[in-house]
């Protein structure tokens, strides 16, 4: 499947943390795919969404390494561009995440991302985590499966 086909009829997608890491840190295997995804969603006027949890997850390694340019690149992408809308995790989302953990036995961060995607009425969740394809409430697309 290619991005254009995958995105037909989609208005809102949720982007999992790993894709931001691939994009900002120019991952040798996935950087081009994430660039293509963000470019196409902009062209098609599809809203990209994520949560404030993504901020925590992407900043850990650059902070450990003292890599200010990478930290600033993440902050610019997540705070200052119109590429992605960052949603706050509310108590309602946290409760939904608990239910997701119980139902699917997934990790708390994954449950929070899925619950945020559902709460913000995303049509699709894009990740590179095959485990999340078990989620029934939302269409989950794995980046590795995109041409």
N, C-alpha and C. Protein backbone atom coordinates (compact mmCIF):
# COMPACT_ATOMS: atom_id res chain seq x y z
N UNK A 1 0.85 -1.17 0.00
CA UNK A 1 0.00 0.00 0.00
C UNK A 1 0.90 1.24 0.00
N UNK A 2 0.48 2.28 -0.72
CA UNK A 2 1.24 3.52 -0.71
C UNK A 2 0.49 4.58 0.11
N UNK A 3 1.19 5.68 0.40
CA UNK A 3 0.61 6.72 1.25
C UNK A 3 -0.66 7.31 0.66
N UNK A 4 -0.65 7.59 -0.62
CA UNK A 4 -1.82 8.22 -1.24
C UNK A 4 -3.06 7.35 -1.10
N UNK A 5 -2.92 6.05 -1.32
CA UNK A 5 -4.03 5.12 -1.16
C UNK A 5 -4.46 5.05 0.30
N UNK A 6 -3.49 4.92 1.18
CA UNK A 6 -3.76 4.79 2.61
C UNK A 6 -4.54 6.00 3.15
N UNK A 7 -4.25 7.17 2.63
CA UNK A 7 -4.82 8.40 3.17
C UNK A 7 -6.14 8.82 2.52
N UNK A 8 -6.63 8.07 1.55
CA UNK A 8 -7.89 8.42 0.90
C UNK A 8 -9.02 8.46 1.93
N UNK A 9 -9.74 9.56 1.97
CA UNK A 9 -10.88 9.71 2.87
C UNK A 9 -10.52 10.00 4.31
N UNK A 10 -9.26 10.16 4.60
CA UNK A 10 -8.81 10.41 5.97
C UNK A 10 -8.75 11.92 6.22
N UNK A 11 -9.23 12.34 7.39
CA UNK A 11 -9.18 13.77 7.75
C UNK A 11 -8.18 14.05 8.87
N UNK A 12 -8.05 13.09 9.79
CA UNK A 12 -7.18 13.27 10.96
C UNK A 12 -6.40 11.99 11.21
N UNK A 13 -5.08 12.12 11.34
CA UNK A 13 -4.29 10.95 11.71
C UNK A 13 -3.51 11.26 12.97
N UNK A 14 -3.21 10.21 13.68
CA UNK A 14 -2.39 10.32 14.89
C UNK A 14 -1.03 9.73 14.55
N UNK A 15 0.01 10.47 14.86
CA UNK A 15 1.38 10.05 14.57
C UNK A 15 2.04 9.60 15.87
N UNK A 16 2.50 8.35 15.89
CA UNK A 16 3.19 7.81 17.05
C UNK A 16 4.60 8.41 17.14
N UNK A 17 5.15 8.39 18.32
CA UNK A 17 6.43 9.04 18.62
C UNK A 17 7.56 8.63 17.70
N UNK A 18 7.69 7.35 17.40
CA UNK A 18 8.82 6.87 16.60
C UNK A 18 8.93 7.61 15.27
N UNK A 19 7.81 7.96 14.67
CA UNK A 19 7.85 8.63 13.38
C UNK A 19 8.47 10.02 13.47
N UNK A 20 8.26 10.70 14.59
CA UNK A 20 8.91 12.00 14.78
C UNK A 20 10.42 11.83 14.93
N UNK A 21 10.82 10.76 15.61
CA UNK A 21 12.24 10.49 15.77
C UNK A 21 12.86 10.20 14.40
N UNK A 22 12.22 9.38 13.60
CA UNK A 22 12.72 9.08 12.26
C UNK A 22 12.87 10.36 11.44
N UNK A 23 11.87 11.22 11.55
CA UNK A 23 11.83 12.46 10.77
C UNK A 23 12.93 13.43 11.18
N UNK A 24 12.98 13.74 12.45
CA UNK A 24 13.93 14.76 12.94
C UNK A 24 15.37 14.27 12.90
N UNK A 25 15.57 13.00 13.26
CA UNK A 25 16.94 12.49 13.36
C UNK A 25 17.40 11.81 12.08
N UNK A 26 16.63 11.97 11.01
CA UNK A 26 17.00 11.50 9.68
C UNK A 26 17.40 10.02 9.67
N UNK A 27 16.51 9.19 10.17
CA UNK A 27 16.75 7.74 10.25
C UNK A 27 17.04 7.18 8.85
N UNK A 28 18.09 6.38 8.70
CA UNK A 28 18.48 5.91 7.35
C UNK A 28 17.41 5.09 6.64
N UNK A 29 16.59 4.36 7.36
CA UNK A 29 15.56 3.53 6.74
C UNK A 29 14.23 4.26 6.61
N UNK A 30 13.88 5.09 7.58
CA UNK A 30 12.53 5.63 7.66
C UNK A 30 12.39 7.14 7.43
N UNK A 31 13.48 7.86 7.34
CA UNK A 31 13.38 9.32 7.20
C UNK A 31 12.58 9.72 5.95
N UNK A 32 12.88 9.09 4.83
CA UNK A 32 12.18 9.46 3.59
C UNK A 32 10.69 9.17 3.68
N UNK A 33 10.34 8.04 4.29
CA UNK A 33 8.91 7.71 4.44
C UNK A 33 8.20 8.74 5.30
N UNK A 34 8.84 9.17 6.38
CA UNK A 34 8.17 10.15 7.24
C UNK A 34 8.10 11.51 6.55
N UNK A 35 9.12 11.87 5.79
CA UNK A 35 9.06 13.12 5.02
C UNK A 35 7.91 13.05 4.02
N UNK A 36 7.79 11.91 3.34
CA UNK A 36 6.71 11.74 2.36
C UNK A 36 5.34 11.82 3.05
N UNK A 37 5.22 11.18 4.21
CA UNK A 37 3.95 11.21 4.94
C UNK A 37 3.57 12.64 5.31
N UNK A 38 4.49 13.37 5.92
CA UNK A 38 4.18 14.74 6.33
C UNK A 38 3.90 15.64 5.13
N UNK A 39 4.63 15.45 4.07
CA UNK A 39 4.40 16.25 2.86
C UNK A 39 3.02 15.97 2.27
N UNK A 40 2.66 14.71 2.18
CA UNK A 40 1.37 14.35 1.60
C UNK A 40 0.20 14.78 2.48
N UNK A 41 0.34 14.66 3.80
CA UNK A 41 -0.75 15.10 4.67
C UNK A 41 -0.94 16.61 4.55
N UNK A 42 0.14 17.34 4.38
CA UNK A 42 0.02 18.80 4.18
C UNK A 42 -0.71 19.09 2.87
N UNK A 43 -0.31 18.40 1.80
CA UNK A 43 -0.95 18.60 0.49
C UNK A 43 -2.43 18.25 0.52
N UNK A 44 -2.76 17.19 1.22
CA UNK A 44 -4.15 16.70 1.26
C UNK A 44 -4.96 17.37 2.38
N UNK A 45 -4.34 18.27 3.11
CA UNK A 45 -4.98 18.97 4.22
C UNK A 45 -5.53 18.02 5.27
N UNK A 46 -4.71 17.03 5.59
CA UNK A 46 -5.03 16.08 6.64
C UNK A 46 -4.32 16.56 7.90
N UNK A 47 -5.05 16.59 9.01
CA UNK A 47 -4.45 17.05 10.26
C UNK A 47 -3.65 15.93 10.91
N UNK A 48 -2.39 16.22 11.21
CA UNK A 48 -1.53 15.30 11.96
C UNK A 48 -1.67 15.63 13.44
N UNK A 49 -1.84 14.61 14.24
CA UNK A 49 -2.04 14.79 15.68
C UNK A 49 -1.07 13.92 16.46
N UNK A 50 -0.74 14.37 17.65
CA UNK A 50 0.02 13.59 18.61
C UNK A 50 -0.33 14.15 19.98
N UNK A 51 0.31 13.62 21.02
CA UNK A 51 0.02 14.12 22.37
C UNK A 51 1.27 14.70 23.01
N UNK A 52 1.06 15.34 24.14
CA UNK A 52 2.19 15.90 24.88
C UNK A 52 3.16 14.81 25.33
N UNK A 53 2.69 13.57 25.41
CA UNK A 53 3.59 12.46 25.74
C UNK A 53 4.72 12.35 24.72
N UNK A 54 4.43 12.65 23.48
CA UNK A 54 5.45 12.60 22.43
C UNK A 54 6.61 13.54 22.77
N UNK A 55 6.30 14.70 23.33
CA UNK A 55 7.34 15.65 23.71
C UNK A 55 8.31 14.99 24.69
N UNK A 56 7.75 14.34 25.71
CA UNK A 56 8.58 13.65 26.69
C UNK A 56 9.43 12.58 26.02
N UNK A 57 8.80 11.76 25.19
CA UNK A 57 9.51 10.63 24.59
C UNK A 57 10.62 11.05 23.63
N UNK A 58 10.39 12.09 22.83
CA UNK A 58 11.42 12.47 21.86
C UNK A 58 12.58 13.22 22.49
N UNK A 59 12.35 13.88 23.62
CA UNK A 59 13.41 14.71 24.21
C UNK A 59 14.38 13.94 25.11
N UNK A 60 14.03 12.73 25.53
CA UNK A 60 14.87 12.01 26.49
C UNK A 60 16.29 11.80 25.97
N UNK A 61 16.44 11.17 24.81
CA UNK A 61 17.78 10.85 24.32
C UNK A 61 18.61 12.11 24.02
N UNK A 62 18.04 13.10 23.32
CA UNK A 62 18.83 14.32 23.10
C UNK A 62 19.25 15.01 24.41
N UNK A 63 18.38 14.95 25.42
CA UNK A 63 18.75 15.53 26.71
C UNK A 63 19.89 14.75 27.35
N UNK A 64 19.81 13.41 27.27
CA UNK A 64 20.89 12.58 27.82
C UNK A 64 22.22 12.89 27.15
N UNK A 65 22.17 13.13 25.85
CA UNK A 65 23.38 13.39 25.08
C UNK A 65 23.78 14.87 25.07
N UNK A 66 22.93 15.72 25.63
CA UNK A 66 23.20 17.16 25.59
C UNK A 66 23.16 17.71 24.17
N UNK A 67 22.33 17.11 23.32
CA UNK A 67 22.25 17.48 21.91
C UNK A 67 21.22 18.59 21.71
N UNK A 68 21.64 19.82 21.92
CA UNK A 68 20.74 20.96 21.82
C UNK A 68 20.14 21.16 20.44
N UNK A 69 20.90 20.98 19.34
CA UNK A 69 20.28 21.14 18.03
C UNK A 69 19.11 20.18 17.79
N UNK A 70 19.25 18.93 18.22
CA UNK A 70 18.15 17.97 18.03
C UNK A 70 16.99 18.33 18.94
N UNK A 71 17.29 18.71 20.18
CA UNK A 71 16.21 19.14 21.10
C UNK A 71 15.45 20.30 20.49
N UNK A 72 16.17 21.26 19.95
CA UNK A 72 15.52 22.44 19.35
C UNK A 72 14.73 22.07 18.10
N UNK A 73 15.22 21.10 17.34
CA UNK A 73 14.48 20.66 16.14
C UNK A 73 13.14 20.05 16.54
N UNK A 74 13.14 19.25 17.60
CA UNK A 74 11.88 18.69 18.08
C UNK A 74 10.95 19.78 18.58
N UNK A 75 11.47 20.70 19.34
CA UNK A 75 10.64 21.77 19.88
C UNK A 75 10.05 22.62 18.75
N UNK A 76 10.84 22.91 17.76
CA UNK A 76 10.33 23.69 16.63
C UNK A 76 9.21 22.93 15.92
N UNK A 77 9.44 21.65 15.63
CA UNK A 77 8.43 20.85 14.95
C UNK A 77 7.14 20.76 15.75
N UNK A 78 7.27 20.50 17.04
CA UNK A 78 6.08 20.24 17.86
C UNK A 78 5.41 21.49 18.41
N UNK A 79 6.16 22.59 18.55
CA UNK A 79 5.59 23.80 19.14
C UNK A 79 5.31 24.91 18.14
N UNK A 80 6.10 24.97 17.06
CA UNK A 80 6.08 26.18 16.24
C UNK A 80 5.64 25.99 14.80
N UNK A 81 5.35 24.77 14.38
CA UNK A 81 4.93 24.57 12.99
C UNK A 81 3.46 24.19 12.95
N UNK A 82 2.93 24.19 11.75
CA UNK A 82 1.54 23.73 11.58
C UNK A 82 1.50 22.30 11.06
N UNK A 83 2.62 21.58 11.15
CA UNK A 83 2.70 20.21 10.67
C UNK A 83 1.92 19.27 11.57
N UNK A 84 1.90 19.56 12.87
CA UNK A 84 1.26 18.65 13.82
C UNK A 84 0.56 19.43 14.91
N UNK A 85 -0.57 18.88 15.34
CA UNK A 85 -1.31 19.45 16.47
C UNK A 85 -1.02 18.56 17.68
N UNK A 86 -0.50 19.17 18.75
CA UNK A 86 -0.14 18.43 19.96
C UNK A 86 -1.26 18.60 20.98
N UNK A 87 -1.83 17.46 21.40
CA UNK A 87 -2.96 17.47 22.33
C UNK A 87 -2.49 17.17 23.76
N UNK A 88 -3.08 17.86 24.70
CA UNK A 88 -2.82 17.62 26.12
C UNK A 88 -3.54 16.35 26.56
N UNK A 89 -2.88 15.57 27.40
CA UNK A 89 -3.50 14.37 27.95
C UNK A 89 -4.36 14.79 29.14
N UNK A 90 -5.65 14.62 28.99
CA UNK A 90 -6.60 15.01 30.03
C UNK A 90 -6.92 13.82 30.93
N UNK A 91 -7.67 14.07 31.99
CA UNK A 91 -8.08 12.97 32.87
C UNK A 91 -8.99 11.99 32.13
N UNK A 92 -9.83 12.45 31.22
CA UNK A 92 -10.67 11.55 30.42
C UNK A 92 -9.81 10.63 29.55
N UNK A 93 -8.78 11.20 28.95
CA UNK A 93 -7.87 10.40 28.12
C UNK A 93 -7.13 9.40 28.99
N UNK A 94 -6.70 9.82 30.18
CA UNK A 94 -5.99 8.91 31.09
C UNK A 94 -6.88 7.74 31.49
N UNK A 95 -8.16 8.00 31.75
CA UNK A 95 -9.08 6.91 32.10
C UNK A 95 -9.28 5.96 30.91
N UNK A 96 -9.41 6.52 29.73
CA UNK A 96 -9.54 5.68 28.53
C UNK A 96 -8.29 4.85 28.31
N UNK A 97 -7.15 5.43 28.61
CA UNK A 97 -5.88 4.69 28.47
C UNK A 97 -5.83 3.51 29.43
N UNK A 98 -6.34 3.69 30.63
CA UNK A 98 -6.40 2.58 31.58
C UNK A 98 -7.24 1.44 31.01
N UNK A 99 -8.37 1.78 30.42
CA UNK A 99 -9.22 0.76 29.80
C UNK A 99 -8.50 0.07 28.64
N UNK A 100 -7.73 0.82 27.86
CA UNK A 100 -6.96 0.24 26.75
C UNK A 100 -5.91 -0.73 27.28
N UNK A 101 -5.27 -0.36 28.38
CA UNK A 101 -4.26 -1.25 29.00
C UNK A 101 -4.89 -2.55 29.44
N UNK A 102 -6.06 -2.45 30.06
CA UNK A 102 -6.75 -3.64 30.54
C UNK A 102 -7.18 -4.51 29.36
N UNK A 103 -7.77 -3.89 28.36
CA UNK A 103 -8.32 -4.65 27.23
C UNK A 103 -7.25 -5.31 26.38
N UNK A 104 -6.13 -4.58 26.13
CA UNK A 104 -5.13 -5.07 25.17
C UNK A 104 -3.79 -5.45 25.79
N UNK A 105 -3.62 -5.26 27.09
CA UNK A 105 -2.35 -5.53 27.77
C UNK A 105 -1.20 -4.83 27.04
N UNK A 106 -1.35 -3.53 26.84
CA UNK A 106 -0.30 -2.74 26.21
C UNK A 106 0.33 -1.82 27.25
N UNK A 107 1.49 -1.30 26.91
CA UNK A 107 2.21 -0.42 27.82
C UNK A 107 1.46 0.91 27.99
N UNK A 108 1.68 1.54 29.13
CA UNK A 108 1.01 2.81 29.42
C UNK A 108 1.23 3.86 28.33
N UNK A 109 2.46 4.10 27.87
CA UNK A 109 2.61 5.12 26.82
C UNK A 109 1.79 4.80 25.56
N UNK A 110 1.79 3.54 25.14
CA UNK A 110 0.99 3.16 23.97
C UNK A 110 -0.50 3.39 24.22
N UNK A 111 -0.95 3.02 25.41
CA UNK A 111 -2.35 3.21 25.76
C UNK A 111 -2.72 4.70 25.75
N UNK A 112 -1.84 5.54 26.25
CA UNK A 112 -2.10 6.99 26.25
C UNK A 112 -2.16 7.53 24.82
N UNK A 113 -1.28 7.06 23.96
CA UNK A 113 -1.32 7.51 22.56
C UNK A 113 -2.62 7.07 21.89
N UNK A 114 -2.99 5.82 22.06
CA UNK A 114 -4.23 5.31 21.45
C UNK A 114 -5.44 6.06 21.99
N UNK A 115 -5.49 6.25 23.30
CA UNK A 115 -6.62 6.95 23.91
C UNK A 115 -6.70 8.39 23.41
N UNK A 116 -5.57 9.04 23.23
CA UNK A 116 -5.57 10.41 22.70
C UNK A 116 -6.08 10.42 21.27
N UNK A 117 -5.65 9.46 20.48
CA UNK A 117 -6.12 9.37 19.09
C UNK A 117 -7.63 9.19 19.04
N UNK A 118 -8.15 8.34 19.90
CA UNK A 118 -9.60 8.12 19.93
C UNK A 118 -10.33 9.37 20.41
N UNK A 119 -9.82 10.00 21.46
CA UNK A 119 -10.44 11.18 22.03
C UNK A 119 -10.49 12.34 21.02
N UNK A 120 -9.48 12.43 20.18
CA UNK A 120 -9.40 13.52 19.21
C UNK A 120 -9.99 13.13 17.85
N UNK A 121 -10.68 11.99 17.84
CA UNK A 121 -11.42 11.52 16.67
C UNK A 121 -10.54 11.34 15.43
N UNK A 122 -9.37 10.77 15.64
CA UNK A 122 -8.50 10.47 14.51
C UNK A 122 -9.04 9.27 13.74
N UNK A 123 -8.89 9.32 12.43
CA UNK A 123 -9.34 8.24 11.56
C UNK A 123 -8.32 7.10 11.49
N UNK A 124 -7.08 7.42 11.83
CA UNK A 124 -5.99 6.47 11.64
C UNK A 124 -4.88 6.75 12.63
N UNK A 125 -4.18 5.70 13.01
CA UNK A 125 -3.03 5.78 13.92
C UNK A 125 -1.84 5.22 13.15
N UNK A 126 -0.81 6.03 12.94
CA UNK A 126 0.37 5.58 12.19
C UNK A 126 1.52 5.35 13.16
N UNK A 127 2.06 4.16 13.12
CA UNK A 127 3.09 3.72 14.06
C UNK A 127 4.07 2.81 13.33
N UNK A 128 5.05 2.33 14.04
CA UNK A 128 5.89 1.26 13.51
C UNK A 128 5.92 0.10 14.49
N UNK A 129 4.88 0.02 15.30
CA UNK A 129 4.76 -0.99 16.34
C UNK A 129 3.65 -1.97 15.95
N UNK A 130 4.05 -3.14 15.48
CA UNK A 130 3.07 -4.14 15.04
C UNK A 130 2.12 -4.57 16.15
N UNK A 131 2.57 -4.50 17.39
CA UNK A 131 1.72 -4.91 18.52
C UNK A 131 0.42 -4.10 18.56
N UNK A 132 0.48 -2.87 18.11
CA UNK A 132 -0.70 -2.00 18.19
C UNK A 132 -1.75 -2.31 17.13
N UNK A 133 -1.42 -3.17 16.18
CA UNK A 133 -2.42 -3.54 15.18
C UNK A 133 -3.56 -4.37 15.78
N UNK A 134 -3.41 -4.79 17.02
CA UNK A 134 -4.48 -5.52 17.72
C UNK A 134 -5.62 -4.60 18.14
N UNK A 135 -5.40 -3.30 18.13
CA UNK A 135 -6.41 -2.34 18.56
C UNK A 135 -7.57 -2.35 17.56
N UNK A 136 -8.77 -2.56 18.05
CA UNK A 136 -9.94 -2.65 17.17
C UNK A 136 -10.68 -1.32 16.99
N UNK A 137 -10.51 -0.41 17.91
CA UNK A 137 -11.29 0.83 17.90
C UNK A 137 -10.80 1.85 16.87
N UNK A 138 -9.67 1.58 16.26
CA UNK A 138 -9.02 2.57 15.41
C UNK A 138 -8.23 1.84 14.32
N UNK A 139 -8.19 2.40 13.14
CA UNK A 139 -7.36 1.82 12.07
C UNK A 139 -5.89 2.12 12.38
N UNK A 140 -5.11 1.08 12.57
CA UNK A 140 -3.68 1.21 12.87
C UNK A 140 -2.89 0.80 11.64
N UNK A 141 -2.01 1.70 11.20
CA UNK A 141 -1.18 1.45 10.02
C UNK A 141 0.28 1.43 10.48
N UNK A 142 1.00 0.41 10.05
CA UNK A 142 2.41 0.25 10.39
C UNK A 142 3.27 0.81 9.26
N UNK A 143 4.18 1.69 9.60
CA UNK A 143 5.01 2.37 8.60
C UNK A 143 5.77 1.38 7.72
N UNK A 144 6.24 0.27 8.30
CA UNK A 144 6.95 -0.73 7.53
C UNK A 144 6.12 -1.33 6.41
N UNK A 145 4.81 -1.23 6.49
CA UNK A 145 3.93 -1.81 5.46
C UNK A 145 3.59 -0.84 4.34
N UNK A 146 4.11 0.36 4.42
CA UNK A 146 3.84 1.39 3.41
C UNK A 146 4.96 1.38 2.38
N UNK A 147 4.57 1.43 1.11
CA UNK A 147 5.57 1.48 0.03
C UNK A 147 6.12 2.87 -0.13
